[in-house]
């Protein structure tokens, strides 16, 4: 009798192409949801029509399926690591429960729309509470982890930068949820098919505007810190990637993200009689989307140059996490459209932060371990090279390399045991680095 395989067997993503396809579908879906939500007040009849509701249902189904596949993929990838790091198992469980609740909330909204042609605003409060709650908690844990690593990493600047950026993102999440909760208080309790999405006007004297200003400032600070930290973290791989390509990608991401908000404040994107409002809103919205894609592309480009499986996979996870984060984190459902376009994008916020946590945790630890490992190798070679210079024997050089290789591998095992993450340096990488250090020692 033929054995029936579990459903999860067919849902595993054992190649980068399959994972890319999955993330592409997610990105397209939430981008559509995000953009329609931003212009919902201009097209109320279209989105409340049968076709508009149908598109919303399709996006929701994509959300439900893809978030399950993503969580399952990360679970399989971190299976060995979670055995050594208990909090990662707890975080995985919390993120999964939160995402499944969000699926249930949106499903309830769809049922209300189909059968009674209205939905309760409470669903939006719950969505923001869970999504931004996961955002705040996850990145707070990541900030705590980075500060912990900073104390034991000889005060590495890269780790400190990421620590500060995560704190900025936590503040960003807190001010964000405050902003959207204030916006929701200005909406009706029950949203019907005859209601039009409402974006409250900003007044410099209002609490909403003040909170939103802090939100934008902190968001910019967090982005700049993350950009600097990412450049420093990925700098050891810049030769493999190519300096020109690397700086073009990172420079474009920085300029495009930072220039949009000041132009908006100065009125360059403000709708007027001579400028189509929908077009300006879409242009302004695309800044965050394209910035996230460019930022994620930097991680993906570097990931393809890496030979170590675990490091490459976690770098890819971090890349997709940032892509989703900059789309979902900029989206809003607080305008209370009918149906609530934007709610699916917001629901991906917590999941994207979880991907960033998993990706950056393993990547940062691995790179830091590589640095520590290189220092250990250099110290061992320096201490023993004097004897090698005296003897001047090729046989002794081979013996020295063998001895240092054993020491390096032992040191790498100790680091792996402490962090639960393997170093990315292979035996071949270690030997190449040893040869380079020996060459430097001989020259001096």
Protein backbone atom coordinates (compact mmCIF):
# COMPACT_ATOMS: atom_id res chain seq x y z
CA UNK A 1 0.00 0.00 0.00
CA UNK A 2 1.38 3.42 -0.98
CA UNK A 3 2.29 5.59 1.99
CA UNK A 4 0.72 9.06 2.08
CA UNK A 5 3.22 11.79 2.83
CA UNK A 6 2.39 14.58 5.30
CA UNK A 7 1.22 17.85 3.79
CA UNK A 8 4.27 19.67 5.21
CA UNK A 9 6.50 17.51 3.02
CA UNK A 10 5.20 19.32 -0.04
CA UNK A 11 5.49 22.72 1.62
CA UNK A 12 9.22 22.63 2.33
CA UNK A 13 11.37 25.18 0.52
CA UNK A 14 14.63 23.36 -0.12
CA UNK A 15 16.03 25.90 -2.60
CA UNK A 16 16.65 29.63 -2.77
CA UNK A 17 14.49 29.88 -5.90
CA UNK A 18 11.43 28.44 -4.17
CA UNK A 19 11.91 30.76 -1.21
CA UNK A 20 12.36 33.72 -3.57
CA UNK A 21 9.11 32.81 -5.36
CA UNK A 22 7.28 32.65 -2.04
CA UNK A 23 8.62 36.02 -0.92
CA UNK A 24 7.89 37.56 -4.31
CA UNK A 25 4.24 36.52 -4.01
CA UNK A 26 4.09 37.96 -0.48
CA UNK A 27 5.74 41.22 -1.53
CA UNK A 28 3.41 41.73 -4.50
CA UNK A 29 0.33 40.91 -2.41
CA UNK A 30 1.07 43.28 0.47
CA UNK A 31 2.28 45.99 -1.93
CA UNK A 32 -1.11 45.90 -3.69
CA UNK A 33 -2.88 45.90 -0.32
CA UNK A 34 -0.64 48.73 0.91
CA UNK A 35 -1.13 50.95 -2.13
CA UNK A 36 -4.90 50.44 -2.37
CA UNK A 37 -5.18 51.25 1.33
CA UNK A 38 -3.31 54.52 0.82
CA UNK A 39 -5.66 55.72 -1.93
CA UNK A 40 -8.84 54.11 -0.52
CA UNK A 41 -10.48 57.49 0.10
CA UNK A 42 -10.24 58.28 -3.64
CA UNK A 43 -11.81 55.01 -4.85
CA UNK A 44 -14.49 54.08 -2.28
CA UNK A 45 -16.97 52.71 -4.85
CA UNK A 46 -14.37 50.53 -6.56
CA UNK A 47 -13.01 48.87 -3.40
CA UNK A 48 -16.48 48.33 -1.87
CA UNK A 49 -17.74 46.66 -5.05
CA UNK A 50 -17.89 42.90 -5.54
CA UNK A 51 -14.57 42.94 -7.38
CA UNK A 52 -12.95 45.09 -4.69
CA UNK A 53 -14.07 42.74 -1.93
CA UNK A 54 -12.93 39.74 -4.01
CA UNK A 55 -9.42 41.18 -4.39
CA UNK A 56 -9.31 41.76 -0.63
CA UNK A 57 -10.31 38.12 0.00
CA UNK A 58 -7.63 36.85 -2.40
CA UNK A 59 -4.97 38.96 -0.67
CA UNK A 60 -6.12 37.58 2.69
CA UNK A 61 -5.88 33.98 1.45
CA UNK A 62 -2.35 34.68 0.18
CA UNK A 63 -1.52 36.12 3.59
CA UNK A 64 -2.86 33.07 5.44
CA UNK A 65 -1.00 30.55 3.27
CA UNK A 66 2.30 32.37 2.91
CA UNK A 67 2.70 33.31 6.56
CA UNK A 68 2.24 29.63 7.45
CA UNK A 69 4.88 28.59 4.89
CA UNK A 70 7.31 31.25 6.13
CA UNK A 71 6.91 30.23 9.76
CA UNK A 72 7.35 26.57 8.84
CA UNK A 73 10.49 27.34 6.82
CA UNK A 74 12.09 29.31 9.66
CA UNK A 75 11.14 26.57 12.11
CA UNK A 76 12.98 23.98 10.02
CA UNK A 77 15.98 26.25 9.51
CA UNK A 78 16.33 26.95 13.24
CA UNK A 79 15.57 23.44 14.44
CA UNK A 80 19.14 22.73 15.59
CA UNK A 81 19.73 26.24 16.92
CA UNK A 82 16.54 26.24 19.00
CA UNK A 83 17.69 23.10 20.80
CA UNK A 84 20.52 25.20 22.25
CA UNK A 85 18.71 28.52 22.59
CA UNK A 86 15.44 28.14 24.48
CA UNK A 87 14.22 31.72 23.99
CA UNK A 88 14.20 31.23 20.21
CA UNK A 89 11.69 28.42 20.63
CA UNK A 90 9.53 30.69 22.80
CA UNK A 91 9.74 33.52 20.28
CA UNK A 92 8.86 31.17 17.43
CA UNK A 93 5.78 29.98 19.35
CA UNK A 94 4.71 33.52 20.21
CA UNK A 95 5.08 34.73 16.64
CA UNK A 96 3.13 31.74 15.32
CA UNK A 97 0.25 32.22 17.76
CA UNK A 98 0.11 35.94 16.99
CA UNK A 99 0.02 35.36 13.23
CA UNK A 100 -2.71 32.71 13.48
CA UNK A 101 -4.84 35.06 15.60
CA UNK A 102 -4.41 37.74 12.94
CA UNK A 103 -5.61 35.31 10.27
CA UNK A 104 -8.69 34.60 12.40
CA UNK A 105 -9.35 38.34 12.92
CA UNK A 106 -9.21 39.13 9.19
CA UNK A 107 -11.34 36.07 8.42
CA UNK A 108 -13.95 37.39 10.86
CA UNK A 109 -13.87 40.77 9.12
CA UNK A 110 -14.48 39.08 5.76
CA UNK A 111 -17.44 37.13 7.17
CA UNK A 112 -18.93 40.33 8.58
CA UNK A 113 -18.53 42.08 5.22
CA UNK A 114 -20.08 39.19 3.27
CA UNK A 115 -23.08 38.59 5.54
CA UNK A 116 -23.88 41.95 7.18
CA UNK A 117 -21.97 44.36 4.89
CA UNK A 118 -20.08 46.00 7.73
CA UNK A 119 -17.28 45.29 10.19
CA UNK A 120 -16.35 46.42 13.69
CA UNK A 121 -13.43 48.78 14.24
CA UNK A 122 -12.27 46.58 17.12
CA UNK A 123 -10.66 44.25 14.57
CA UNK A 124 -8.28 47.05 13.58
CA UNK A 125 -7.34 47.72 17.20
CA UNK A 126 -6.60 44.03 17.70
CA UNK A 127 -4.54 43.87 14.51
CA UNK A 128 -2.38 46.81 15.53
CA UNK A 129 -2.03 45.56 19.11
CA UNK A 130 -0.77 42.13 17.98
CA UNK A 131 1.34 43.23 15.01
CA UNK A 132 3.02 46.18 16.67
CA UNK A 133 3.20 44.27 19.94
CA UNK A 134 5.27 41.60 18.16
CA UNK A 135 7.31 44.39 16.55
CA UNK A 136 8.11 46.01 19.90
CA UNK A 137 8.75 42.80 21.85
CA UNK A 138 10.81 41.08 19.13
CA UNK A 139 13.09 44.03 18.43
CA UNK A 140 13.40 44.78 22.16
CA UNK A 141 14.68 41.23 22.64
CA UNK A 142 17.04 41.73 19.71
CA UNK A 143 18.30 45.00 21.25
CA UNK A 144 18.88 43.19 24.54
CA UNK A 145 20.75 40.41 22.73
CA UNK A 146 22.96 42.92 20.90
CA UNK A 147 23.83 44.73 24.14
CA UNK A 148 24.64 41.38 25.74
CA UNK A 149 26.95 40.53 22.84
CA UNK A 150 28.48 44.00 23.02
CA UNK A 151 29.70 43.41 26.58
CA UNK A 152 31.41 40.17 25.57
CA UNK A 153 32.68 41.21 22.13
CA UNK A 154 35.50 43.55 23.19
CA UNK A 155 32.99 46.38 22.64
CA UNK A 156 32.61 45.81 18.93
CA UNK A 157 31.28 48.97 17.21
CA UNK A 158 29.09 47.00 14.80
CA UNK A 159 27.24 45.34 17.67
CA UNK A 160 26.76 48.68 19.43
CA UNK A 161 25.33 50.28 16.28
CA UNK A 162 22.80 47.49 15.84
CA UNK A 163 21.92 47.71 19.54
CA UNK A 164 21.09 51.40 19.18
CA UNK A 165 19.21 50.86 15.91
CA UNK A 166 17.01 48.20 17.50
CA UNK A 167 16.20 50.55 20.38
CA UNK A 168 15.25 53.20 17.83
CA UNK A 169 12.99 50.70 16.07
CA UNK A 170 11.33 49.82 19.39
CA UNK A 171 10.59 53.52 20.02
CA UNK A 172 9.46 53.72 16.39
CA UNK A 173 6.98 50.89 17.03
CA UNK A 174 5.68 52.48 20.24
CA UNK A 175 5.07 55.87 18.62
CA UNK A 176 3.61 54.11 15.59
CA UNK A 177 0.96 52.22 17.52
CA UNK A 178 0.16 55.39 19.48
CA UNK A 179 -0.33 57.30 16.22
CA UNK A 180 -2.65 54.71 14.72
CA UNK A 181 -4.66 54.25 17.91
CA UNK A 182 -5.30 58.00 17.99
CA UNK A 183 -6.37 57.83 14.33
CA UNK A 184 -8.75 54.95 15.09
CA UNK A 185 -10.43 56.95 17.86
CA UNK A 186 -11.54 59.38 15.16
CA UNK A 187 -13.26 56.64 13.14
CA UNK A 188 -16.76 55.17 13.49
CA UNK A 189 -17.21 52.11 15.68
CA UNK A 190 -18.86 50.19 12.84
CA UNK A 191 -17.70 50.66 9.23
CA UNK A 192 -20.31 50.00 6.54
CA UNK A 193 -20.16 49.81 2.75
CA UNK A 194 -21.35 53.43 2.49
CA UNK A 195 -18.45 54.77 4.58
CA UNK A 196 -15.37 56.33 2.99
CA UNK A 197 -11.84 55.85 4.30
CA UNK A 198 -10.81 58.82 6.43
CA UNK A 199 -7.23 60.08 6.90
CA UNK A 200 -7.22 62.69 9.71
CA UNK A 201 -5.57 65.98 8.75
CA UNK A 202 -2.39 66.80 10.61
CA UNK A 203 -2.30 69.90 12.75
CA UNK A 204 1.00 70.99 14.25
CA UNK A 205 -0.72 71.63 17.58
CA UNK A 206 -2.47 68.26 17.71
CA UNK A 207 -1.22 65.27 19.70
CA UNK A 208 -1.48 63.12 16.58
CA UNK A 209 0.87 65.34 14.61
CA UNK A 210 3.40 65.54 17.44
CA UNK A 211 3.44 61.77 17.90
CA UNK A 212 3.70 61.25 14.14
CA UNK A 213 6.65 63.66 13.95
CA UNK A 214 8.50 61.68 16.61
CA UNK A 215 7.56 58.52 14.72
CA UNK A 216 9.15 59.81 11.50
CA UNK A 217 12.28 61.14 13.21
CA UNK A 218 12.93 57.93 15.12
CA UNK A 219 12.26 55.92 11.97
CA UNK A 220 14.94 57.91 10.15
CA UNK A 221 17.43 57.48 12.98
CA UNK A 222 16.76 53.74 13.09
CA UNK A 223 17.24 53.46 9.36
CA UNK A 224 20.55 55.35 9.35
CA UNK A 225 21.92 53.28 12.24
CA UNK A 226 20.84 50.06 10.57
CA UNK A 227 22.42 51.19 7.30
CA UNK A 228 25.75 51.94 9.00
CA UNK A 229 25.66 48.70 10.97
CA UNK A 230 24.83 46.68 7.88
CA UNK A 231 27.68 48.22 5.89
CA UNK A 232 30.11 47.45 8.70
CA UNK A 233 28.78 43.94 9.22
CA UNK A 234 28.97 43.07 5.53
CA UNK A 235 32.28 44.82 4.90
CA UNK A 236 34.37 41.60 5.16
CA UNK A 237 32.45 40.31 2.12
CA UNK A 238 32.68 43.49 0.05
CA UNK A 239 35.52 42.07 -2.08
CA UNK A 240 33.44 39.03 -3.03
CA UNK A 241 30.48 41.23 -3.91
CA UNK A 242 32.40 44.02 -5.63
CA UNK A 243 33.00 47.48 -4.14
CA UNK A 244 31.21 49.43 -6.87
CA UNK A 245 28.13 47.21 -6.82
CA UNK A 246 28.05 47.22 -3.02
CA UNK A 247 28.20 51.00 -2.64
CA UNK A 248 25.71 51.61 -5.45
CA UNK A 249 23.15 49.39 -3.73
CA UNK A 250 23.69 50.78 -0.24
CA UNK A 251 24.05 54.40 -1.38
CA UNK A 252 20.85 54.28 -3.43
CA UNK A 253 18.95 52.81 -0.48
CA UNK A 254 20.15 55.57 1.83
CA UNK A 255 19.46 58.50 -0.52
CA UNK A 256 16.05 57.30 -1.69
CA UNK A 257 14.77 56.66 1.82
CA UNK A 258 16.05 59.85 3.44
CA UNK A 259 15.11 62.30 0.70
CA UNK A 260 11.40 61.47 0.48
CA UNK A 261 10.16 62.62 3.90
CA UNK A 262 11.88 66.07 3.76
CA UNK A 263 10.42 66.64 0.28
CA UNK A 264 6.98 65.71 1.63
CA UNK A 265 7.38 68.16 4.53
CA UNK A 266 8.45 70.90 2.09
CA UNK A 267 5.30 70.32 0.05
CA UNK A 268 6.78 68.70 -3.06
CA UNK A 269 4.42 65.73 -2.74
CA UNK A 270 1.39 67.66 -1.53
CA UNK A 271 -1.61 67.24 -3.89
CA UNK A 272 -2.61 70.42 -5.72
CA UNK A 273 -4.89 71.47 -8.54
CA UNK A 274 -2.11 70.85 -11.07
CA UNK A 275 -0.99 67.51 -9.68
CA UNK A 276 -2.99 64.29 -9.55
CA UNK A 277 -3.44 63.36 -5.88
CA UNK A 278 -3.45 59.59 -6.42
CA UNK A 279 -0.21 59.78 -8.41
CA UNK A 280 1.61 61.79 -5.75
CA UNK A 281 0.46 59.44 -2.99
CA UNK A 282 1.63 56.39 -4.95
CA UNK A 283 5.00 58.03 -5.65
CA UNK A 284 5.42 58.86 -1.97
CA UNK A 285 4.38 55.34 -0.95
CA UNK A 286 6.79 53.69 -3.37
CA UNK A 287 9.75 55.29 -1.58
CA UNK A 288 9.45 52.95 1.41
CA UNK A 289 8.72 49.94 -0.79
CA UNK A 290 11.68 50.42 -3.12
CA UNK A 291 13.95 51.36 -0.23
CA UNK A 292 13.09 48.08 1.51
CA UNK A 293 13.71 46.13 -1.70
CA UNK A 294 17.09 47.81 -2.28
CA UNK A 295 18.06 47.31 1.36
CA UNK A 296 17.09 43.64 1.20
CA UNK A 297 18.93 43.27 -2.11
CA UNK A 298 22.17 44.14 -0.33
CA UNK A 299 21.76 41.14 1.96
CA UNK A 300 20.71 38.88 -0.91
CA UNK A 301 23.68 39.89 -3.04
CA UNK A 302 26.11 39.16 -0.22
CA UNK A 303 24.30 35.93 0.69
CA UNK A 304 24.90 34.54 -2.81
CA UNK A 305 28.67 34.98 -2.34
CA UNK A 306 28.77 32.91 0.86
CA UNK A 307 29.65 29.23 0.88
CA UNK A 308 28.47 28.43 4.38
CA UNK A 309 24.89 27.12 4.18
CA UNK A 310 23.61 28.37 7.54
CA UNK A 311 25.05 31.88 7.18
CA UNK A 312 23.72 32.21 3.63
CA UNK A 313 20.23 31.12 4.65
CA UNK A 314 20.08 33.46 7.63
CA UNK A 315 21.36 36.37 5.55
CA UNK A 316 18.56 35.66 3.07
CA UNK A 317 16.01 35.55 5.91
CA UNK A 318 17.25 38.94 7.18
CA UNK A 319 16.99 40.33 3.64
CA UNK A 320 13.37 39.28 3.20
CA UNK A 321 12.61 40.46 6.72
CA UNK A 322 13.75 43.99 5.88
CA UNK A 323 11.85 43.99 2.57
CA UNK A 324 8.61 43.03 4.31
CA UNK A 325 9.30 45.34 7.25
CA UNK A 326 9.65 48.49 5.17
CA UNK A 327 6.44 47.72 3.30
CA UNK A 328 4.37 46.51 6.24
CA UNK A 329 5.82 49.06 8.66
CA UNK A 330 4.80 51.94 6.39
CA UNK A 331 1.31 50.60 5.67
CA UNK A 332 -1.75 51.74 7.58
CA UNK A 333 -5.23 50.36 8.14
CA UNK A 334 -6.27 53.16 10.51
CA UNK A 335 -8.07 54.98 7.68
CA UNK A 336 -10.77 52.31 8.14
CA UNK A 337 -11.58 51.63 4.49
CA UNK A 338 -14.34 49.24 3.41
CA UNK A 339 -13.06 46.55 3.15
CA UNK A 340 -10.06 47.39 5.38
CA UNK A 341 -7.29 47.47 2.81
CA UNK A 342 -3.94 47.81 4.58
CA UNK A 343 -4.82 45.39 7.38
CA UNK A 344 -3.01 42.50 5.67
CA UNK A 345 0.16 44.57 5.26
CA UNK A 346 0.02 45.65 8.92
CA UNK A 347 -0.42 41.99 9.88
CA UNK A 348 2.93 41.17 8.31
CA UNK A 349 4.74 43.66 10.57
CA UNK A 350 5.31 41.30 13.49
CA UNK A 351 6.35 38.44 11.20
CA UNK A 352 8.85 40.64 9.37
CA UNK A 353 10.42 41.65 12.70
CA UNK A 354 10.69 37.98 13.62
CA UNK A 355 12.54 37.31 10.35
CA UNK A 356 14.88 40.22 11.07
CA UNK A 357 15.52 38.82 14.54
CA UNK A 358 16.33 35.34 13.27
CA UNK A 359 18.44 36.59 10.37
CA UNK A 360 20.42 39.26 12.22
CA UNK A 361 20.89 37.14 15.34
CA UNK A 362 22.58 34.31 13.49
CA UNK A 363 24.39 36.53 10.95
CA UNK A 364 25.79 38.93 13.54
CA UNK A 365 26.89 36.12 15.84
CA UNK A 366 28.52 34.27 12.94
CA UNK A 367 30.42 37.33 11.70
CA UNK A 368 31.50 38.19 15.26
CA UNK A 369 32.67 34.61 15.75
CA UNK A 370 34.63 34.83 12.51
CA UNK A 371 36.36 37.96 13.82
CA UNK A 372 37.15 36.29 17.13
CA UNK A 373 38.32 33.19 15.33
CA UNK A 374 40.62 35.23 13.09
CA UNK A 375 42.13 36.94 16.13
CA UNK A 376 42.69 33.55 17.74
CA UNK A 377 44.38 32.24 14.58
CA UNK A 378 46.59 35.32 14.29
CA UNK A 379 47.65 35.11 17.95
CA UNK A 380 48.49 31.41 17.65
CA UNK A 381 50.50 31.96 14.47
CA UNK A 382 52.33 34.98 15.89
CA UNK A 383 53.32 33.11 19.05
CA UNK A 384 54.68 30.14 17.12
CA UNK A 385 56.06 31.86 14.01
CA UNK A 386 59.31 32.80 15.76
CA UNK A 387 60.24 29.14 16.08
CA UNK A 388 59.23 28.58 12.46
CA UNK A 389 61.51 31.39 11.29
CA UNK A 390 64.43 29.87 13.17
CA UNK A 391 63.95 26.37 11.79
CA UNK A 392 62.89 27.58 8.33
CA UNK A 393 61.52 24.19 7.42
CA UNK A 394 58.57 23.53 5.09
CA UNK A 395 57.77 20.49 7.22
CA UNK A 396 57.60 22.65 10.33
CA UNK A 397 55.33 25.11 8.52
CA UNK A 398 52.93 22.31 7.65
CA UNK A 399 53.03 21.11 11.26
CA UNK A 400 52.34 24.64 12.47
CA UNK A 401 49.37 24.99 10.14
CA UNK A 402 48.00 21.66 11.34
CA UNK A 403 48.38 22.70 14.99
CA UNK A 404 46.73 26.10 14.52
CA UNK A 405 43.93 24.56 12.46
CA UNK A 406 43.10 22.24 15.37
CA UNK A 407 43.18 25.17 17.80
CA UNK A 408 40.94 27.24 15.52
CA UNK A 409 38.41 24.44 15.09
CA UNK A 410 38.32 23.86 18.84
CA UNK A 411 37.80 27.59 19.44
CA UNK A 412 35.01 27.61 16.84
CA UNK A 413 33.30 24.67 18.59
CA UNK A 414 33.41 26.54 21.90
CA UNK A 415 31.81 29.63 20.32
CA UNK A 416 29.14 27.48 18.67
CA UNK A 417 28.36 25.80 21.98
CA UNK A 418 27.85 29.19 23.67
CA UNK A 419 25.74 30.85 20.98
CA UNK A 420 24.10 27.92 19.18
CA UNK A 421 25.25 29.37 15.85
CA UNK A 422 28.10 28.01 13.76
CA UNK A 423 30.93 30.21 12.46
CA UNK A 424 30.92 30.71 8.70
CA UNK A 425 34.64 30.00 8.21
CA UNK A 426 35.29 26.59 6.65
CA UNK A 427 38.56 24.67 6.88
CA UNK A 428 39.48 26.12 3.50
CA UNK A 429 38.75 29.67 4.72
CA UNK A 430 40.86 29.11 7.83
CA UNK A 431 43.81 27.78 5.80
CA UNK A 432 43.60 30.73 3.39
CA UNK A 433 43.58 33.18 6.29
CA UNK A 434 46.49 31.34 7.97
CA UNK A 435 48.52 31.59 4.76
CA UNK A 436 47.81 35.32 4.55
CA UNK A 437 48.83 35.90 8.18
CA UNK A 438 52.02 33.84 7.78
CA UNK A 439 52.92 35.85 4.71
CA UNK A 440 52.46 39.08 6.70
CA UNK A 441 54.57 37.74 9.56
CA UNK A 442 57.40 36.69 7.23
CA UNK A 443 57.45 40.13 5.59
CA UNK A 444 57.78 41.89 8.96
